[in-house]
Amino acid sequence: MKELRKEEIKQEVFDLYDAYAHNKLQRREFMEKLSLYAVGGVTVASLMSFLMPNYKDTFLVDKQDPRLESGFITYNSPKGGGEIKGLLSKPAKFDGKLGGIVVVHENRGLNPYVEDTARRAALEGFITLAPDALSPLGGYPGTDDEGRTMQRNRDRNEMLEDFIAAFDYLKAHEDCNGKIGVVGFCFGGWISNMMAVRVPELAAAVPFYGGQPTENIDRINAPLMLHYAGLDERVNAGWPAYEEALKKYGKSYQEFTYPDVNHGFHNTSTPRYDEPAAELAWGRTMDFFKKHLS
C-alpha cells in the first residue's frame, strides 16, 4: 500500500472526511465518493487508512508522566445523563489552589486525543476534568466511528448539562480555586460557547471551531477566545452573526482564524492536524487561562 503524504491529498478529500465525521455522509456514500480520488496507485483503502485517527503514535504527554496525577472519577449530572465518567488530572506537586478547566470532546466521546489534551493542560498548572458524554451508553467504545454513532443517540442539550455539572464538580473540588474555564473542540466548541451563555460564573471559554449560539448572547459574562480554521466554511458561516451580537452587547472576546488549515487542525491524531497553527492556538489558550483562572 502506498504511503500517503498530506501534501498529496486534495482539499476535496478533507472536505469529504469532514462531512463524514459530522454525520453528513453515511460510510457507504463516503467511500463511494472517496473512490473518485483513488487514482495513480492510491487505493480507497489507503485513503481511508490515511484519514482515520492514529492514536498510537500521536500522544504529546505520557499517561504515566510522573509530573501528573491523572485518573478517572465519576460525578453526578442530575439534569443530564446521571453518573458521568471523566478524566481528572492535576500536577503532582503544586502550591495553593489551582484554576480549573473543563475539557470537552468532539462528537465521538472521550477519545485518547482529548484525554491527552486534558493531561497537557494539567501540566500547565491547572486541575482539568475531561468528561465522557457517552458514559450513560457505556462510554467511549474504542473507535471514533462507533463513538459518533453512539453520540447521535444522546440529546445535545442533555449532554450540555453533563458539562455544566463538570463545572460544578471542579468548583467544589478541594484543590480548585473556584475559577473555572472551558475549552472544547468541534462539538466541544459548541458546548464551550453554550456554557458561556448558561453559566454566569464561568471565568473563561475557549471554543475551537465550535458552533455558535444564536440567542441569549447578552447573558455571557466570561471572556472568550475563539479559534477558527480558515478552510472550515461550515462552522465559519456562523461567525459573523455571532461577532455582531458580541459587539452589540459589549462582550469581551478575541477571535483568531488560522489560514489554510482544516476543521480539526488541533487534533494530533488525524492528517488535518497542523502543528504550527495548533501550537500557536494552544499557547494562546494557555496564556488566556493563566490570565483569567489565577
Protein backbone atom coordinates (compact mmCIF):
# COMPACT_ATOMS: atom_id res chain seq x y z
CA MET A 1 0.00 0.00 0.00
CA LYS A 2 1.40 3.37 -1.00
CA GLU A 3 2.31 5.59 1.94
CA LEU A 4 0.49 8.89 1.50
CA ARG A 5 1.58 12.37 2.48
CA LYS A 6 -0.70 15.22 3.46
CA GLU A 7 0.60 17.37 0.62
CA GLU A 8 -0.57 14.81 -1.95
CA ILE A 9 -4.19 14.86 -0.80
CA LYS A 10 -6.69 17.15 -2.50
CA GLN A 11 -8.69 19.51 -0.30
CA GLU A 12 -11.88 17.85 -1.54
CA VAL A 13 -10.82 14.67 0.26
CA PHE A 14 -10.53 16.54 3.56
CA ASP A 15 -13.92 18.13 2.88
CA LEU A 16 -15.41 14.68 2.34
CA TYR A 17 -13.92 13.45 5.60
CA ASP A 18 -15.34 16.48 7.39
CA ALA A 19 -18.80 15.69 6.04
CA TYR A 20 -18.43 12.06 7.09
CA ALA A 21 -17.08 12.95 10.54
CA HIS A 22 -20.06 15.24 11.12
CA ASN A 23 -22.68 12.74 10.01
CA LYS A 24 -23.45 14.45 6.69
CA LEU A 25 -22.45 11.32 4.79
CA GLN A 26 -23.05 7.67 5.63
CA ARG A 27 -19.98 5.41 5.48
CA ARG A 28 -21.00 3.76 2.20
CA GLU A 29 -21.58 7.11 0.48
CA PHE A 30 -18.32 8.45 1.91
CA MET A 31 -16.36 5.53 0.48
CA GLU A 32 -18.10 5.82 -2.89
CA LYS A 33 -17.18 9.49 -3.16
CA LEU A 34 -13.68 8.77 -1.88
CA SER A 35 -13.16 6.28 -4.68
CA LEU A 36 -13.11 9.18 -7.16
CA TYR A 37 -9.75 10.16 -5.69
CA ALA A 38 -8.29 6.66 -5.71
CA VAL A 39 -6.06 7.13 -8.77
CA GLY A 40 -2.41 6.72 -9.66
CA GLY A 41 -1.76 3.78 -7.36
CA VAL A 42 -3.75 5.27 -4.48
CA THR A 43 -6.48 2.91 -3.26
CA VAL A 44 -9.63 3.64 -1.29
CA ALA A 45 -8.16 1.51 1.50
CA SER A 46 -5.01 3.62 1.63
CA LEU A 47 -7.04 6.83 1.66
CA MET A 48 -9.24 5.52 4.48
CA SER A 49 -6.21 4.40 6.48
CA PHE A 50 -4.61 7.81 5.98
CA LEU A 51 -7.69 9.76 7.08
CA MET A 52 -8.62 7.72 10.16
CA PRO A 53 -7.25 8.73 13.60
CA ASN A 54 -3.89 7.35 14.70
CA TYR A 55 -3.80 7.30 18.49
CA LYS A 56 -0.80 5.02 18.79
CA ASP A 57 1.90 7.47 17.75
CA THR A 58 0.45 10.92 18.44
CA PHE A 59 0.37 11.40 22.22
CA LEU A 60 2.08 14.56 23.46
CA VAL A 61 2.00 13.54 27.14
CA ASP A 62 2.93 10.17 28.62
CA LYS A 63 -0.02 8.70 30.54
CA GLN A 64 2.44 7.79 33.30
CA ASP A 65 4.17 11.17 33.40
CA PRO A 66 5.43 11.50 36.99
CA ARG A 67 4.65 15.21 36.94
CA LEU A 68 0.94 14.41 36.87
CA GLU A 69 -1.79 12.82 38.93
CA SER A 70 -4.35 11.64 36.40
CA GLY A 71 -7.17 9.15 36.72
CA PHE A 72 -10.84 8.54 36.14
CA ILE A 73 -13.57 9.68 38.50
CA THR A 74 -17.35 9.72 38.32
CA TYR A 75 -19.62 12.62 39.18
CA ASN A 76 -23.34 13.15 39.17
CA SER A 77 -25.20 15.01 36.42
CA PRO A 78 -28.79 15.04 37.68
CA LYS A 79 -30.12 17.15 34.79
CA GLY A 80 -28.09 15.22 32.22
CA GLY A 81 -27.02 11.62 31.94
CA GLY A 82 -26.69 10.71 35.61
CA GLU A 83 -23.34 9.17 36.54
CA ILE A 84 -20.65 10.59 34.24
CA LYS A 85 -17.11 9.29 33.96
CA GLY A 86 -14.33 11.81 33.46
CA LEU A 87 -10.56 12.05 33.46
CA LEU A 88 -9.36 14.23 36.35
CA SER A 89 -5.79 15.49 36.01
CA LYS A 90 -3.61 17.85 38.04
CA PRO A 91 0.07 18.49 38.69
CA ALA A 92 1.65 16.02 41.11
CA LYS A 93 3.14 18.94 43.02
CA PHE A 94 1.67 22.41 43.41
CA ASP A 95 1.33 25.22 45.92
CA GLY A 96 -2.01 26.73 46.89
CA LYS A 97 -5.06 26.02 44.77
CA LEU A 98 -5.41 25.55 41.02
CA GLY A 99 -7.59 27.08 38.36
CA GLY A 100 -9.92 24.52 36.80
CA ILE A 101 -10.60 23.65 33.16
CA VAL A 102 -13.42 21.53 31.75
CA VAL A 103 -12.07 19.88 28.57
CA VAL A 104 -14.82 18.95 26.12
CA HIS A 105 -14.50 16.27 23.48
CA GLU A 106 -15.65 16.21 19.86
CA ASN A 107 -18.76 14.41 18.59
CA ARG A 108 -17.44 10.94 19.37
CA GLY A 109 -16.88 10.68 23.12
CA LEU A 110 -13.75 10.94 25.23
CA ASN A 111 -11.16 9.58 22.84
CA PRO A 112 -7.40 9.35 23.51
CA TYR A 113 -6.66 12.69 21.81
CA VAL A 114 -8.91 14.59 24.23
CA GLU A 115 -7.51 12.68 27.21
CA ASP A 116 -4.04 13.69 26.06
CA THR A 117 -5.14 17.31 25.71
CA ALA A 118 -6.55 17.32 29.24
CA ARG A 119 -3.30 15.98 30.66
CA ARG A 120 -1.36 18.55 28.66
CA ALA A 121 -3.43 21.37 30.16
CA ALA A 122 -2.86 19.99 33.65
CA LEU A 123 0.90 20.16 33.10
CA GLU A 124 0.43 23.91 32.62
CA GLY A 125 -0.69 24.19 36.25
CA PHE A 126 -4.44 23.50 36.19
CA ILE A 127 -6.81 20.90 37.51
CA THR A 128 -8.69 19.56 34.49
CA LEU A 129 -11.76 17.42 34.06
CA ALA A 130 -12.47 15.77 30.70
CA PRO A 131 -15.93 14.15 30.88
CA ASP A 132 -17.18 11.40 28.61
CA ALA A 133 -20.69 12.26 27.44
CA LEU A 134 -21.04 8.66 26.27
CA SER A 135 -20.96 7.45 29.89
CA PRO A 136 -24.72 6.69 30.02
CA LEU A 137 -24.26 4.46 26.94
CA GLY A 138 -21.22 2.63 28.26
CA GLY A 139 -18.51 5.17 27.47
CA TYR A 140 -16.21 5.78 24.51
CA PRO A 141 -16.26 2.45 22.63
CA GLY A 142 -12.69 2.44 21.37
CA THR A 143 -13.19 3.77 17.85
CA ASP A 144 -14.34 7.16 16.65
CA ASP A 145 -16.75 5.66 14.11
CA GLU A 146 -18.61 3.79 16.84
CA GLY A 147 -18.35 6.81 19.13
CA ARG A 148 -20.05 9.07 16.60
CA THR A 149 -22.85 6.57 16.18
CA MET A 150 -23.33 6.36 19.94
CA GLN A 151 -23.25 10.11 20.49
CA ARG A 152 -26.07 10.58 17.97
CA ASN A 153 -28.24 8.68 20.44
CA ARG A 154 -27.91 11.39 23.07
CA ASP A 155 -29.60 14.78 23.12
CA ARG A 156 -27.02 17.54 22.86
CA ASN A 157 -28.77 19.76 25.39
CA GLU A 158 -28.75 16.91 27.89
CA MET A 159 -25.03 16.49 27.21
CA LEU A 160 -24.59 20.22 27.83
CA GLU A 161 -25.95 19.59 31.33
CA ASP A 162 -23.24 16.95 31.84
CA PHE A 163 -20.52 19.51 31.18
CA ILE A 164 -22.20 22.14 33.35
CA ALA A 165 -22.20 19.51 36.12
CA ALA A 166 -18.47 19.06 35.49
CA PHE A 167 -18.06 22.79 36.14
CA ASP A 168 -19.87 22.32 39.46
CA TYR A 169 -17.67 19.33 40.34
CA LEU A 170 -14.48 21.29 39.76
CA LYS A 171 -15.77 24.35 41.59
CA ALA A 172 -16.34 22.25 44.71
CA HIS A 173 -13.03 20.38 44.46
CA GLU A 174 -10.67 20.96 47.37
CA ASP A 175 -7.71 21.63 45.06
CA CYS A 176 -9.53 24.18 42.88
CA ASN A 177 -9.50 27.93 43.47
CA GLY A 178 -13.07 28.25 42.20
CA LYS A 179 -12.14 29.87 38.88
CA ILE A 180 -13.22 27.55 36.09
CA GLY A 181 -12.75 27.78 32.34
CA VAL A 182 -13.79 25.54 29.48
CA VAL A 183 -12.06 24.52 26.28
CA GLY A 184 -13.69 22.35 23.64
CA PHE A 185 -13.24 21.11 20.11
CA CYS A 186 -15.89 20.81 17.38
CA PHE A 187 -18.98 19.64 19.34
CA GLY A 188 -16.95 20.68 22.37
CA GLY A 189 -16.55 24.12 20.86
CA TRP A 190 -20.35 24.43 20.74
CA ILE A 191 -20.51 23.25 24.37
CA SER A 192 -17.91 25.87 25.31
CA ASN A 193 -19.95 28.62 23.68
CA MET A 194 -23.14 27.37 25.33
CA MET A 195 -21.54 27.12 28.76
CA ALA A 196 -20.58 30.77 28.38
CA VAL A 197 -24.26 31.50 27.79
CA ARG A 198 -25.55 29.23 30.54
CA VAL A 199 -23.01 29.57 33.39
CA PRO A 200 -22.76 33.12 34.78
CA GLU A 201 -19.75 32.22 36.96
CA LEU A 202 -17.68 30.76 34.11
CA ALA A 203 -14.31 32.53 34.19
CA ALA A 204 -13.17 31.92 30.58
CA ALA A 205 -14.25 29.98 27.48
CA VAL A 206 -12.15 28.82 24.52
CA PRO A 207 -14.13 27.19 21.69
CA PHE A 208 -12.08 25.59 18.92
CA TYR A 209 -14.06 25.61 15.63
CA GLY A 210 -17.31 25.42 17.56
CA GLY A 211 -20.86 26.11 16.51
CA GLN A 212 -22.17 29.44 17.73
CA PRO A 213 -25.15 30.28 19.96
CA THR A 214 -27.91 32.27 18.29
CA GLU A 215 -29.78 33.58 21.33
CA ASN A 216 -29.19 34.78 24.91
CA ILE A 217 -25.74 36.03 23.93
CA ASP A 218 -26.38 39.02 26.19
CA ARG A 219 -26.07 36.62 29.17
CA ILE A 220 -22.39 35.84 28.51
CA ASN A 221 -20.10 37.03 31.31
CA ALA A 222 -16.96 35.03 30.55
CA PRO A 223 -14.24 36.42 28.29
CA LEU A 224 -13.99 34.38 25.11
CA MET A 225 -11.10 33.25 22.93
CA LEU A 226 -12.38 31.74 19.69
CA HIS A 227 -10.26 29.70 17.29
CA TYR A 228 -11.40 29.03 13.71
CA ALA A 229 -9.88 27.11 10.81
CA GLY A 230 -9.55 29.12 7.61
CA LEU A 231 -10.84 26.29 5.39
CA ASP A 232 -13.79 25.46 7.64
CA GLU A 233 -16.61 27.08 5.69
CA ARG A 234 -19.29 25.08 7.51
CA VAL A 235 -18.54 26.44 11.01
CA ASN A 236 -17.18 29.81 9.93
CA ALA A 237 -20.51 30.71 8.31
CA GLY A 238 -21.97 31.31 11.77
CA TRP A 239 -19.21 33.61 13.00
CA PRO A 240 -20.25 36.99 11.50
CA ALA A 241 -23.66 36.96 13.22
CA TYR A 242 -22.11 35.80 16.50
CA GLU A 243 -19.47 38.51 16.35
CA GLU A 244 -22.12 41.12 15.62
CA ALA A 245 -24.04 40.05 18.73
CA LEU A 246 -20.90 40.01 20.89
CA LYS A 247 -20.13 43.55 19.78
CA LYS A 248 -23.74 44.66 20.28
CA TYR A 249 -23.71 43.52 23.90
CA GLY A 250 -20.18 44.68 24.65
CA LYS A 251 -18.74 41.24 25.36
CA SER A 252 -15.03 40.56 25.82
CA TYR A 253 -13.68 38.32 23.08
CA GLN A 254 -10.65 37.54 20.95
CA GLU A 255 -11.02 35.71 17.64
CA PHE A 256 -8.28 34.01 15.65
CA THR A 257 -8.70 32.44 12.23
CA TYR A 258 -5.79 30.27 11.12
CA PRO A 259 -5.43 30.43 7.32
CA ASP A 260 -5.16 27.36 5.10
CA VAL A 261 -5.96 24.82 7.84
CA ASN A 262 -8.89 22.46 8.20
CA HIS A 263 -11.50 21.94 10.88
CA GLY A 264 -9.82 19.74 13.47
CA PHE A 265 -6.38 21.30 12.98
CA HIS A 266 -5.61 20.90 16.70
CA ASN A 267 -6.29 17.15 16.70
CA THR A 268 -2.91 15.43 16.62
CA SER A 269 -4.36 12.07 15.57
CA THR A 270 -5.54 12.89 12.03
CA PRO A 271 -3.86 14.37 8.93
CA ARG A 272 -5.92 17.52 9.38
CA TYR A 273 -3.52 18.34 12.22
CA ASP A 274 -1.44 21.42 11.51
CA GLU A 275 1.36 21.69 14.05
CA PRO A 276 2.23 25.41 13.63
CA ALA A 277 -1.42 26.51 13.90
CA ALA A 278 -2.15 24.05 16.71
CA GLU A 279 0.84 25.15 18.77
CA LEU A 280 0.06 28.82 18.26
CA ALA A 281 -3.58 28.32 19.25
CA TRP A 282 -2.64 26.20 22.26
CA GLY A 283 -0.09 28.72 23.50
CA ARG A 284 -2.65 31.49 23.21
CA THR A 285 -5.19 29.35 25.05
CA MET A 286 -2.90 28.56 27.97
CA ASP A 287 -1.87 32.21 28.33
CA PHE A 288 -5.56 33.17 28.30
CA PHE A 289 -6.40 30.68 31.04
CA LYS A 290 -3.40 31.70 33.15
CA LYS A 291 -4.65 35.28 32.98
CA HIS A 292 -8.27 34.54 33.88
CA LEU A 293 -8.08 31.49 36.14
CA SER A 294 -5.30 32.56 38.53
